[in-house]
Each structure stands twice: as C-alpha cells, then as structure tokens.
C-alpha cells in the first residue's frame, strides 16, 4: 500500500487544488435585442447567431 513519506504542506496541497475553483459564467448583452445571453450561443428570443437567422421564431396561432 502506498503511504506518503512526508506530510504534504499546505502550499503544495493548495497548488494541486488551484484548478478546482468554479469559474464565473460569461453573460453578455446581445447587440440586436439587448437581452442578456451566453457568449457563443444562439439568442433564443430572436433566433439569430453571428448576424444570421438560424431558427425562425414561432408565432402563436389565432383562435
């Protein structure tokens, strides 16, 4: 069974855990609609990505 020969110092332990921190979400304001959205993602409200219409917006049916 592997057993460490020396106690790991706080500095070494924290260096190993330096990549475990949570990163913040990159929310930007959309240029077309002005609504918040994630970068490099499709704008759901308009269906536009990178200046191109990707999906068409559904309109409610009149009853």
N, C-alpha and C. Protein backbone atom coordinates (compact mmCIF):
# COMPACT_ATOMS: atom_id res chain seq x y z
N UNK A 1 0.84 -1.18 0.00
CA UNK A 1 0.00 0.00 0.00
C UNK A 1 0.88 1.24 0.00
N UNK A 2 0.56 2.20 -0.86
CA UNK A 2 1.37 3.41 -0.96
C UNK A 2 1.07 4.35 0.20
N UNK A 3 2.12 4.75 0.88
CA UNK A 3 1.99 5.66 2.01
C UNK A 3 2.96 6.80 1.79
N UNK A 4 2.51 8.07 1.91
CA UNK A 4 3.43 9.18 1.72
C UNK A 4 4.51 9.21 2.79
N UNK A 5 5.74 9.50 2.38
CA UNK A 5 6.86 9.52 3.31
C UNK A 5 6.82 10.77 4.19
N UNK A 6 6.35 11.89 3.62
CA UNK A 6 6.27 13.15 4.37
C UNK A 6 4.88 13.74 4.27
N UNK A 7 4.53 14.56 5.23
CA UNK A 7 3.25 15.26 5.20
C UNK A 7 3.27 16.29 4.08
N UNK A 8 2.19 16.35 3.29
CA UNK A 8 2.08 17.36 2.23
C UNK A 8 1.82 18.71 2.86
N UNK A 9 2.63 19.69 2.50
CA UNK A 9 2.48 21.02 3.09
C UNK A 9 1.22 21.70 2.57
N UNK A 10 0.76 22.72 3.28
CA UNK A 10 -0.42 23.47 2.86
C UNK A 10 -0.21 24.10 1.49
N UNK A 11 1.01 24.57 1.25
CA UNK A 11 1.33 25.20 -0.04
C UNK A 11 1.20 24.21 -1.19
N UNK A 12 1.77 23.03 -1.04
CA UNK A 12 1.69 22.01 -2.10
C UNK A 12 0.26 21.53 -2.30
N UNK A 13 -0.47 21.35 -1.20
CA UNK A 13 -1.86 20.92 -1.29
C UNK A 13 -2.70 21.96 -2.04
N UNK A 14 -2.51 23.22 -1.72
CA UNK A 14 -3.28 24.28 -2.38
C UNK A 14 -2.87 24.47 -3.83
N UNK A 15 -1.61 24.22 -4.17
CA UNK A 15 -1.19 24.28 -5.57
C UNK A 15 -1.89 23.21 -6.40
N UNK A 16 -2.05 22.05 -5.82
CA UNK A 16 -2.73 20.96 -6.52
C UNK A 16 -4.20 21.28 -6.75
N UNK A 17 -4.80 22.01 -5.84
CA UNK A 17 -6.21 22.35 -5.93
C UNK A 17 -6.47 23.67 -6.66
N UNK A 18 -5.48 24.24 -7.28
CA UNK A 18 -5.64 25.55 -7.90
C UNK A 18 -6.59 25.53 -9.08
N UNK A 19 -6.81 24.37 -9.71
CA UNK A 19 -7.68 24.28 -10.87
C UNK A 19 -9.12 23.89 -10.50
N UNK A 20 -9.40 23.72 -9.22
CA UNK A 20 -10.72 23.26 -8.79
C UNK A 20 -11.73 24.39 -8.60
N UNK A 21 -11.30 25.63 -8.71
CA UNK A 21 -12.20 26.75 -8.46
C UNK A 21 -13.26 26.85 -9.54
N UNK A 22 -14.46 27.30 -9.16
CA UNK A 22 -15.54 27.50 -10.12
C UNK A 22 -15.30 28.79 -10.89
N UNK A 23 -15.59 28.75 -12.17
CA UNK A 23 -15.42 29.94 -13.00
C UNK A 23 -16.76 30.63 -13.16
N UNK A 24 -16.74 31.94 -13.30
CA UNK A 24 -17.98 32.68 -13.48
C UNK A 24 -18.50 32.52 -14.91
N UNK A 25 -19.80 32.61 -15.07
CA UNK A 25 -20.43 32.47 -16.38
C UNK A 25 -20.30 33.78 -17.13
N UNK A 26 -19.92 33.70 -18.41
CA UNK A 26 -19.71 34.89 -19.22
C UNK A 26 -21.03 35.31 -19.87
N UNK A 27 -21.78 36.18 -19.20
CA UNK A 27 -23.05 36.68 -19.72
C UNK A 27 -22.80 38.02 -20.38
N UNK A 28 -23.26 38.15 -21.63
CA UNK A 28 -23.08 39.40 -22.37
C UNK A 28 -24.44 39.94 -22.77
N UNK A 29 -24.47 41.20 -23.18
CA UNK A 29 -25.69 41.82 -23.67
C UNK A 29 -25.73 41.65 -25.19
N UNK A 30 -26.84 41.14 -25.71
CA UNK A 30 -26.98 40.91 -27.14
C UNK A 30 -27.03 42.23 -27.88
N UNK A 31 -26.33 42.32 -29.02
CA UNK A 31 -26.28 43.56 -29.79
C UNK A 31 -27.61 43.88 -30.45
N UNK A 32 -28.33 42.85 -30.89
CA UNK A 32 -29.59 43.06 -31.61
C UNK A 32 -30.75 43.36 -30.64
N UNK A 33 -30.97 42.46 -29.68
CA UNK A 33 -32.15 42.58 -28.82
C UNK A 33 -31.86 43.29 -27.50
N UNK A 34 -30.60 43.34 -27.08
CA UNK A 34 -30.26 43.98 -25.81
C UNK A 34 -30.50 43.08 -24.60
N UNK A 35 -30.89 41.83 -24.83
CA UNK A 35 -31.15 40.91 -23.73
C UNK A 35 -29.86 40.18 -23.35
N UNK A 36 -29.75 39.76 -22.08
CA UNK A 36 -28.56 39.01 -21.68
C UNK A 36 -28.58 37.60 -22.27
N UNK A 37 -27.40 37.10 -22.66
CA UNK A 37 -27.26 35.75 -23.18
C UNK A 37 -25.82 35.29 -22.97
N UNK A 38 -25.60 34.00 -23.14
CA UNK A 38 -24.25 33.46 -23.04
C UNK A 38 -23.50 33.74 -24.34
N UNK A 39 -22.21 34.00 -24.25
CA UNK A 39 -21.42 34.24 -25.44
C UNK A 39 -21.26 32.96 -26.24
N UNK A 40 -21.16 33.07 -27.55
CA UNK A 40 -21.06 31.96 -28.48
C UNK A 40 -22.26 31.03 -28.41
N UNK A 41 -23.43 31.58 -28.10
CA UNK A 41 -24.67 30.81 -28.07
C UNK A 41 -25.73 31.54 -28.87
N UNK A 42 -26.72 30.80 -29.31
CA UNK A 42 -27.84 31.33 -30.08
C UNK A 42 -28.72 32.18 -29.18
N UNK A 43 -29.21 33.32 -29.70
CA UNK A 43 -30.16 34.15 -28.97
C UNK A 43 -31.54 33.53 -29.14
N UNK A 44 -32.12 33.00 -28.08
CA UNK A 44 -33.38 32.27 -28.15
C UNK A 44 -34.54 33.19 -28.55
N UNK A 45 -34.55 34.43 -28.08
CA UNK A 45 -35.69 35.30 -28.35
C UNK A 45 -35.80 35.69 -29.82
N UNK A 46 -34.66 35.86 -30.51
CA UNK A 46 -34.70 36.26 -31.92
C UNK A 46 -34.31 35.15 -32.87
N UNK A 47 -33.57 34.15 -32.41
CA UNK A 47 -33.13 33.06 -33.27
C UNK A 47 -31.95 33.43 -34.13
N UNK A 48 -31.22 34.49 -33.76
CA UNK A 48 -30.09 34.97 -34.55
C UNK A 48 -28.79 34.59 -33.86
N UNK A 49 -27.81 34.12 -34.66
CA UNK A 49 -26.47 33.85 -34.17
C UNK A 49 -25.48 34.38 -35.19
N UNK A 50 -24.54 35.18 -34.75
CA UNK A 50 -23.48 35.74 -35.58
C UNK A 50 -24.06 36.51 -36.78
N UNK A 51 -25.17 37.22 -36.55
CA UNK A 51 -25.78 38.04 -37.58
C UNK A 51 -26.61 37.29 -38.59
N UNK A 52 -26.82 35.98 -38.37
CA UNK A 52 -27.59 35.17 -39.31
C UNK A 52 -28.80 34.57 -38.61
N UNK A 53 -29.92 34.51 -39.33
CA UNK A 53 -31.14 33.91 -38.79
C UNK A 53 -30.99 32.39 -38.83
N UNK A 54 -30.90 31.75 -37.67
CA UNK A 54 -30.69 30.32 -37.58
C UNK A 54 -32.02 29.58 -37.46
N UNK A 55 -32.85 30.01 -36.52
CA UNK A 55 -34.16 29.40 -36.36
C UNK A 55 -35.22 30.48 -36.48
N UNK A 56 -36.39 30.09 -36.98
CA UNK A 56 -37.47 31.07 -37.10
C UNK A 56 -38.28 31.08 -35.82
N UNK A 57 -38.71 32.26 -35.42
CA UNK A 57 -39.47 32.41 -34.20
C UNK A 57 -40.91 31.98 -34.45
N UNK A 58 -41.45 31.14 -33.57
CA UNK A 58 -42.81 30.67 -33.71
C UNK A 58 -43.79 31.76 -33.29
N UNK A 59 -44.88 31.89 -34.03
CA UNK A 59 -45.92 32.86 -33.68
C UNK A 59 -47.11 32.09 -33.14
N UNK A 60 -47.77 32.62 -32.11
CA UNK A 60 -48.94 31.92 -31.55
C UNK A 60 -50.08 31.91 -32.57
N UNK A 61 -50.84 30.81 -32.62
CA UNK A 61 -51.95 30.68 -33.54
C UNK A 61 -53.14 31.49 -33.03
N UNK A 62 -53.82 32.16 -33.93
CA UNK A 62 -55.02 32.93 -33.57
C UNK A 62 -56.21 31.99 -33.52
N UNK A 63 -56.98 32.04 -32.43
CA UNK A 63 -58.16 31.17 -32.28
C UNK A 63 -59.41 31.99 -32.41
